[in-house]
């Protein structure tokens, strides 16, 4: 297995186990727990409808109310395989970096934490320098790859 490759069913198992632990900690009981392979049938084309894996369990709270829970896992990597180019990745990284620089002008950001909204200050100048430094590093990598590709092409022509 390659570095960064998804491990089948690892995410769904982790999410399901966390939900079950949380339910038990809240005093609920788990009636049943099972993993199934299902088709959602949303396209009325069973032969091409994607097959998904889901964890199913029924949680019964201390007060007797029951909830059926379905946790799905879907893989998106086959949808992008062979369709995303290095140029797409570089363009995405540059636009993300630029958006990061633009978003530091707010100087503050808000997050909902511990039952109320909190405001944090941004070290704007430092963040801008970090984003610009990362974008320069990315530009240097693009330059190195361009030089290597040009050298390889020149070497191929010399061999012919």
C-alpha atoms as a PDB file:
ATOM      1  CA  UNK A   1       0.000   0.000   0.000  1.00  0.00           C
ATOM      2  CA  UNK A   2       1.345   3.406  -0.988  1.00  0.00           C
ATOM      3  CA  UNK A   3       1.840   6.253   1.437  1.00  0.00           C
ATOM      4  CA  UNK A   4      -1.326   8.329   1.736  1.00  0.00           C
ATOM      5  CA  UNK A   5      -3.541   5.636   0.233  1.00  0.00           C
ATOM      6  CA  UNK A   6      -6.921   5.077   1.843  1.00  0.00           C
ATOM      7  CA  UNK A   7      -7.278   1.947   3.978  1.00  0.00           C
ATOM      8  CA  UNK A   8     -10.656   0.398   3.124  1.00  0.00           C
ATOM      9  CA  UNK A   9     -13.207   0.708   5.940  1.00  0.00           C
ATOM     10  CA  UNK A  10     -10.748   2.328   8.382  1.00  0.00           C
ATOM     11  CA  UNK A  11     -12.595   5.662   8.434  1.00  0.00           C
ATOM     12  CA  UNK A  12     -16.074   4.177   8.788  1.00  0.00           C
ATOM     13  CA  UNK A  13     -14.892   1.900  11.584  1.00  0.00           C
ATOM     14  CA  UNK A  14     -13.311   4.816  13.456  1.00  0.00           C
ATOM     15  CA  UNK A  15     -16.422   6.999  13.128  1.00  0.00           C
ATOM     16  CA  UNK A  16     -18.748   4.152  14.135  1.00  0.00           C
ATOM     17  CA  UNK A  17     -16.589   3.227  17.162  1.00  0.00           C
ATOM     18  CA  UNK A  18     -16.487   6.871  18.296  1.00  0.00           C
ATOM     19  CA  UNK A  19     -20.272   7.190  17.992  1.00  0.00           C
ATOM     20  CA  UNK A  20     -20.769   3.980  19.945  1.00  0.00           C
ATOM     21  CA  UNK A  21     -18.380   5.092  22.712  1.00  0.00           C
ATOM     22  CA  UNK A  22     -20.159   8.449  22.909  1.00  0.00           C
ATOM     23  CA  UNK A  23     -23.559   6.787  23.127  1.00  0.00           C
ATOM     24  CA  UNK A  24     -22.405   4.446  25.889  1.00  0.00           C
ATOM     25  CA  UNK A  25     -20.822   7.351  27.802  1.00  0.00           C
ATOM     26  CA  UNK A  26     -24.191   9.159  27.643  1.00  0.00           C
ATOM     27  CA  UNK A  27     -25.933   6.143  29.184  1.00  0.00           C
ATOM     28  CA  UNK A  28     -27.460   4.811  25.966  1.00  0.00           C
ATOM     29  CA  UNK A  29     -27.460   1.188  24.905  1.00  0.00           C
ATOM     30  CA  UNK A  30     -26.577  -0.218  21.516  1.00  0.00           C
ATOM     31  CA  UNK A  31     -29.164  -2.695  20.304  1.00  0.00           C
ATOM     32  CA  UNK A  32     -27.417  -3.924  17.175  1.00  0.00           C
ATOM     33  CA  UNK A  33     -24.321  -3.103  15.181  1.00  0.00           C
ATOM     34  CA  UNK A  34     -23.545  -4.399  11.698  1.00  0.00           C
ATOM     35  CA  UNK A  35     -21.613  -3.454   8.566  1.00  0.00           C
ATOM     36  CA  UNK A  36     -23.382  -3.871   5.221  1.00  0.00           C
ATOM     37  CA  UNK A  37     -22.678  -3.329   1.564  1.00  0.00           C
ATOM     38  CA  UNK A  38     -25.616  -1.403   0.069  1.00  0.00           C
ATOM     39  CA  UNK A  39     -26.815   0.379  -3.046  1.00  0.00           C
ATOM     40  CA  UNK A  40     -28.822   3.518  -2.459  1.00  0.00           C
ATOM     41  CA  UNK A  41     -30.991   3.092  -5.548  1.00  0.00           C
ATOM     42  CA  UNK A  42     -31.175   6.789  -6.235  1.00  0.00           C
ATOM     43  CA  UNK A  43     -30.559   6.354  -9.961  1.00  0.00           C
ATOM     44  CA  UNK A  44     -32.821   3.312 -10.581  1.00  0.00           C
ATOM     45  CA  UNK A  45     -29.936   1.630 -12.350  1.00  0.00           C
ATOM     46  CA  UNK A  46     -28.764  -1.181 -10.071  1.00  0.00           C
ATOM     47  CA  UNK A  47     -26.124  -2.397 -12.504  1.00  0.00           C
ATOM     48  CA  UNK A  48     -24.261   0.927 -12.409  1.00  0.00           C
ATOM     49  CA  UNK A  49     -25.363   2.244  -9.006  1.00  0.00           C
ATOM     50  CA  UNK A  50     -22.245   2.488  -6.822  1.00  0.00           C
ATOM     51  CA  UNK A  51     -22.029   0.049  -3.974  1.00  0.00           C
ATOM     52  CA  UNK A  52     -21.370   1.674  -0.596  1.00  0.00           C
ATOM     53  CA  UNK A  53     -20.404   0.300   2.780  1.00  0.00           C
ATOM     54  CA  UNK A  54     -22.301   1.451   5.814  1.00  0.00           C
ATOM     55  CA  UNK A  55     -22.295   0.777   9.529  1.00  0.00           C
ATOM     56  CA  UNK A  56     -25.766   0.389  10.994  1.00  0.00           C
ATOM     57  CA  UNK A  57     -26.638   0.504  14.651  1.00  0.00           C
ATOM     58  CA  UNK A  58     -29.606   1.273  16.836  1.00  0.00           C
ATOM     59  CA  UNK A  59     -29.081   3.469  19.875  1.00  0.00           C
ATOM     60  CA  UNK A  60     -31.641   3.460  22.679  1.00  0.00           C
ATOM     61  CA  UNK A  61     -31.369   6.367  25.080  1.00  0.00           C
ATOM     62  CA  UNK A  62     -31.943   6.038  28.824  1.00  0.00           C
ATOM     63  CA  UNK A  63     -35.408   7.597  28.381  1.00  0.00           C
ATOM     64  CA  UNK A  64     -36.366   4.851  25.914  1.00  0.00           C
ATOM     65  CA  UNK A  65     -36.228   6.808  22.646  1.00  0.00           C
ATOM     66  CA  UNK A  66     -34.534   4.847  19.889  1.00  0.00           C
ATOM     67  CA  UNK A  67     -32.486   6.134  16.948  1.00  0.00           C
ATOM     68  CA  UNK A  68     -31.342   4.163  13.936  1.00  0.00           C
ATOM     69  CA  UNK A  69     -27.930   5.390  12.784  1.00  0.00           C
ATOM     70  CA  UNK A  70     -26.286   4.772   9.400  1.00  0.00           C
ATOM     71  CA  UNK A  71     -22.667   5.795   8.810  1.00  0.00           C
ATOM     72  CA  UNK A  72     -21.482   5.668   5.178  1.00  0.00           C
ATOM     73  CA  UNK A  73     -18.023   5.551   3.675  1.00  0.00           C
ATOM     74  CA  UNK A  74     -17.423   6.425   0.059  1.00  0.00           C
ATOM     75  CA  UNK A  75     -14.187   6.653  -1.890  1.00  0.00           C
ATOM     76  CA  UNK A  76     -13.665   9.667  -4.134  1.00  0.00           C
ATOM     77  CA  UNK A  77     -10.171   8.820  -5.403  1.00  0.00           C
ATOM     78  CA  UNK A  78     -11.364   6.644  -8.305  1.00  0.00           C
ATOM     79  CA  UNK A  79     -13.390   9.621  -9.538  1.00  0.00           C
ATOM     80  CA  UNK A  80     -10.282  11.783  -9.903  1.00  0.00           C
ATOM     81  CA  UNK A  81      -7.781   9.125 -10.984  1.00  0.00           C
ATOM     82  CA  UNK A  82      -6.238  10.064 -14.312  1.00  0.00           C
ATOM     83  CA  UNK A  83      -8.236  13.313 -14.476  1.00  0.00           C
ATOM     84  CA  UNK A  84      -6.171  15.632 -12.296  1.00  0.00           C
ATOM     85  CA  UNK A  85      -2.902  16.881 -13.775  1.00  0.00           C
ATOM     86  CA  UNK A  86       0.174  18.382 -12.127  1.00  0.00           C
ATOM     87  CA  UNK A  87      -0.886  21.730 -13.589  1.00  0.00           C
ATOM     88  CA  UNK A  88      -4.254  21.414 -11.812  1.00  0.00           C
ATOM     89  CA  UNK A  89      -2.485  20.721  -8.517  1.00  0.00           C
ATOM     90  CA  UNK A  90      -0.088  23.673  -8.881  1.00  0.00           C
ATOM     91  CA  UNK A  91      -2.963  25.986  -9.870  1.00  0.00           C
ATOM     92  CA  UNK A  92      -4.951  24.813  -6.823  1.00  0.00           C
ATOM     93  CA  UNK A  93      -2.006  25.350  -4.473  1.00  0.00           C
ATOM     94  CA  UNK A  94      -1.297  28.851  -5.810  1.00  0.00           C
ATOM     95  CA  UNK A  95      -4.951  29.892  -5.593  1.00  0.00           C
ATOM     96  CA  UNK A  96      -5.159  28.469  -2.055  1.00  0.00           C
ATOM     97  CA  UNK A  97      -2.044  30.394  -1.051  1.00  0.00           C
ATOM     98  CA  UNK A  98      -3.394  33.600  -2.551  1.00  0.00           C
ATOM     99  CA  UNK A  99      -6.734  33.125  -0.748  1.00  0.00           C
ATOM    100  CA  UNK A 100      -4.780  32.582   2.465  1.00  0.00           C
ATOM    101  CA  UNK A 101      -2.958  35.870   2.013  1.00  0.00           C
ATOM    102  CA  UNK A 102      -6.213  37.686   1.224  1.00  0.00           C
ATOM    103  CA  UNK A 103      -7.990  36.202   4.252  1.00  0.00           C
ATOM    104  CA  UNK A 104      -5.355  37.422   6.703  1.00  0.00           C
ATOM    105  CA  UNK A 105      -6.471  41.021   6.119  1.00  0.00           C
ATOM    106  CA  UNK A 106      -9.379  40.479   8.512  1.00  0.00           C
ATOM    107  CA  UNK A 107      -6.883  40.414  11.429  1.00  0.00           C
ATOM    108  CA  UNK A 108      -9.368  38.371  13.498  1.00  0.00           C
ATOM    109  CA  UNK A 109     -11.440  35.243  13.157  1.00  0.00           C
ATOM    110  CA  UNK A 110     -14.277  33.750  15.187  1.00  0.00           C
ATOM    111  CA  UNK A 111     -14.907  30.159  16.255  1.00  0.00           C
ATOM    112  CA  UNK A 112     -17.670  28.563  18.274  1.00  0.00           C
ATOM    113  CA  UNK A 113     -15.906  26.859  21.195  1.00  0.00           C
ATOM    114  CA  UNK A 114     -17.030  25.703  24.597  1.00  0.00           C
ATOM    115  CA  UNK A 115     -20.639  26.842  24.266  1.00  0.00           C
ATOM    116  CA  UNK A 116     -19.974  30.372  23.004  1.00  0.00           C
ATOM    117  CA  UNK A 117     -18.310  32.297  20.200  1.00  0.00           C
ATOM    118  CA  UNK A 118     -14.688  33.315  20.714  1.00  0.00           C
ATOM    119  CA  UNK A 119     -12.666  35.821  18.731  1.00  0.00           C
ATOM    120  CA  UNK A 120      -8.983  35.253  17.977  1.00  0.00           C
ATOM    121  CA  UNK A 121      -6.432  37.652  16.558  1.00  0.00           C
ATOM    122  CA  UNK A 122      -4.333  36.746  13.539  1.00  0.00           C
ATOM    123  CA  UNK A 123      -0.608  37.532  13.353  1.00  0.00           C
ATOM    124  CA  UNK A 124      -1.273  39.016   9.909  1.00  0.00           C
ATOM    125  CA  UNK A 125       2.250  39.998   8.892  1.00  0.00           C
ATOM    126  CA  UNK A 126       3.755  36.670   9.931  1.00  0.00           C
ATOM    127  CA  UNK A 127       0.999  34.656   8.220  1.00  0.00           C
ATOM    128  CA  UNK A 128       1.417  36.662   5.022  1.00  0.00           C
ATOM    129  CA  UNK A 129       5.168  35.988   5.046  1.00  0.00           C
ATOM    130  CA  UNK A 130       4.588  32.283   5.686  1.00  0.00           C
ATOM    131  CA  UNK A 131       2.070  32.017   2.839  1.00  0.00           C
ATOM    132  CA  UNK A 132       4.369  33.925   0.484  1.00  0.00           C
ATOM    133  CA  UNK A 133       7.318  31.740   1.515  1.00  0.00           C
ATOM    134  CA  UNK A 134       5.351  28.571   0.815  1.00  0.00           C
ATOM    135  CA  UNK A 135       4.241  29.938  -2.541  1.00  0.00           C
ATOM    136  CA  UNK A 136       7.896  30.765  -3.398  1.00  0.00           C
ATOM    137  CA  UNK A 137       8.881  27.225  -2.425  1.00  0.00           C
ATOM    138  CA  UNK A 138       6.163  25.876  -4.707  1.00  0.00           C
ATOM    139  CA  UNK A 139       7.396  28.125  -7.508  1.00  0.00           C
ATOM    140  CA  UNK A 140      10.951  26.832  -6.958  1.00  0.00           C
ATOM    141  CA  UNK A 141       9.701  23.236  -7.209  1.00  0.00           C
ATOM    142  CA  UNK A 142       7.893  24.040 -10.457  1.00  0.00           C
ATOM    143  CA  UNK A 143      11.097  25.629 -11.791  1.00  0.00           C
ATOM    144  CA  UNK A 144      13.212  22.588 -10.818  1.00  0.00           C
ATOM    145  CA  UNK A 145      10.738  20.223 -12.473  1.00  0.00           C
ATOM    146  CA  UNK A 146      10.711  22.366 -15.617  1.00  0.00           C
ATOM    147  CA  UNK A 147      14.520  22.315 -15.803  1.00  0.00           C
ATOM    148  CA  UNK A 148      14.592  18.544 -15.258  1.00  0.00           C
ATOM    149  CA  UNK A 149      11.962  17.991 -17.951  1.00  0.00           C
ATOM    150  CA  UNK A 150      13.921  20.188 -20.385  1.00  0.00           C
ATOM    151  CA  UNK A 151      17.150  18.303 -19.623  1.00  0.00           C
ATOM    152  CA  UNK A 152      15.414  14.954 -20.107  1.00  0.00           C
ATOM    153  CA  UNK A 153      13.933  16.108 -23.430  1.00  0.00           C
ATOM    154  CA  UNK A 154      17.341  17.364 -24.613  1.00  0.00           C
ATOM    155  CA  UNK A 155      18.942  14.067 -23.602  1.00  0.00           C
ATOM    156  CA  UNK A 156      16.258  12.118 -25.497  1.00  0.00           C
ATOM    157  CA  UNK A 157      16.970  14.168 -28.646  1.00  0.00           C
ATOM    158  CA  UNK A 158      20.714  13.520 -28.325  1.00  0.00           C
ATOM    159  CA  UNK A 159      20.084   9.760 -28.068  1.00  0.00           C
ATOM    160  CA  UNK A 160      18.158   9.693 -31.356  1.00  0.00           C
END
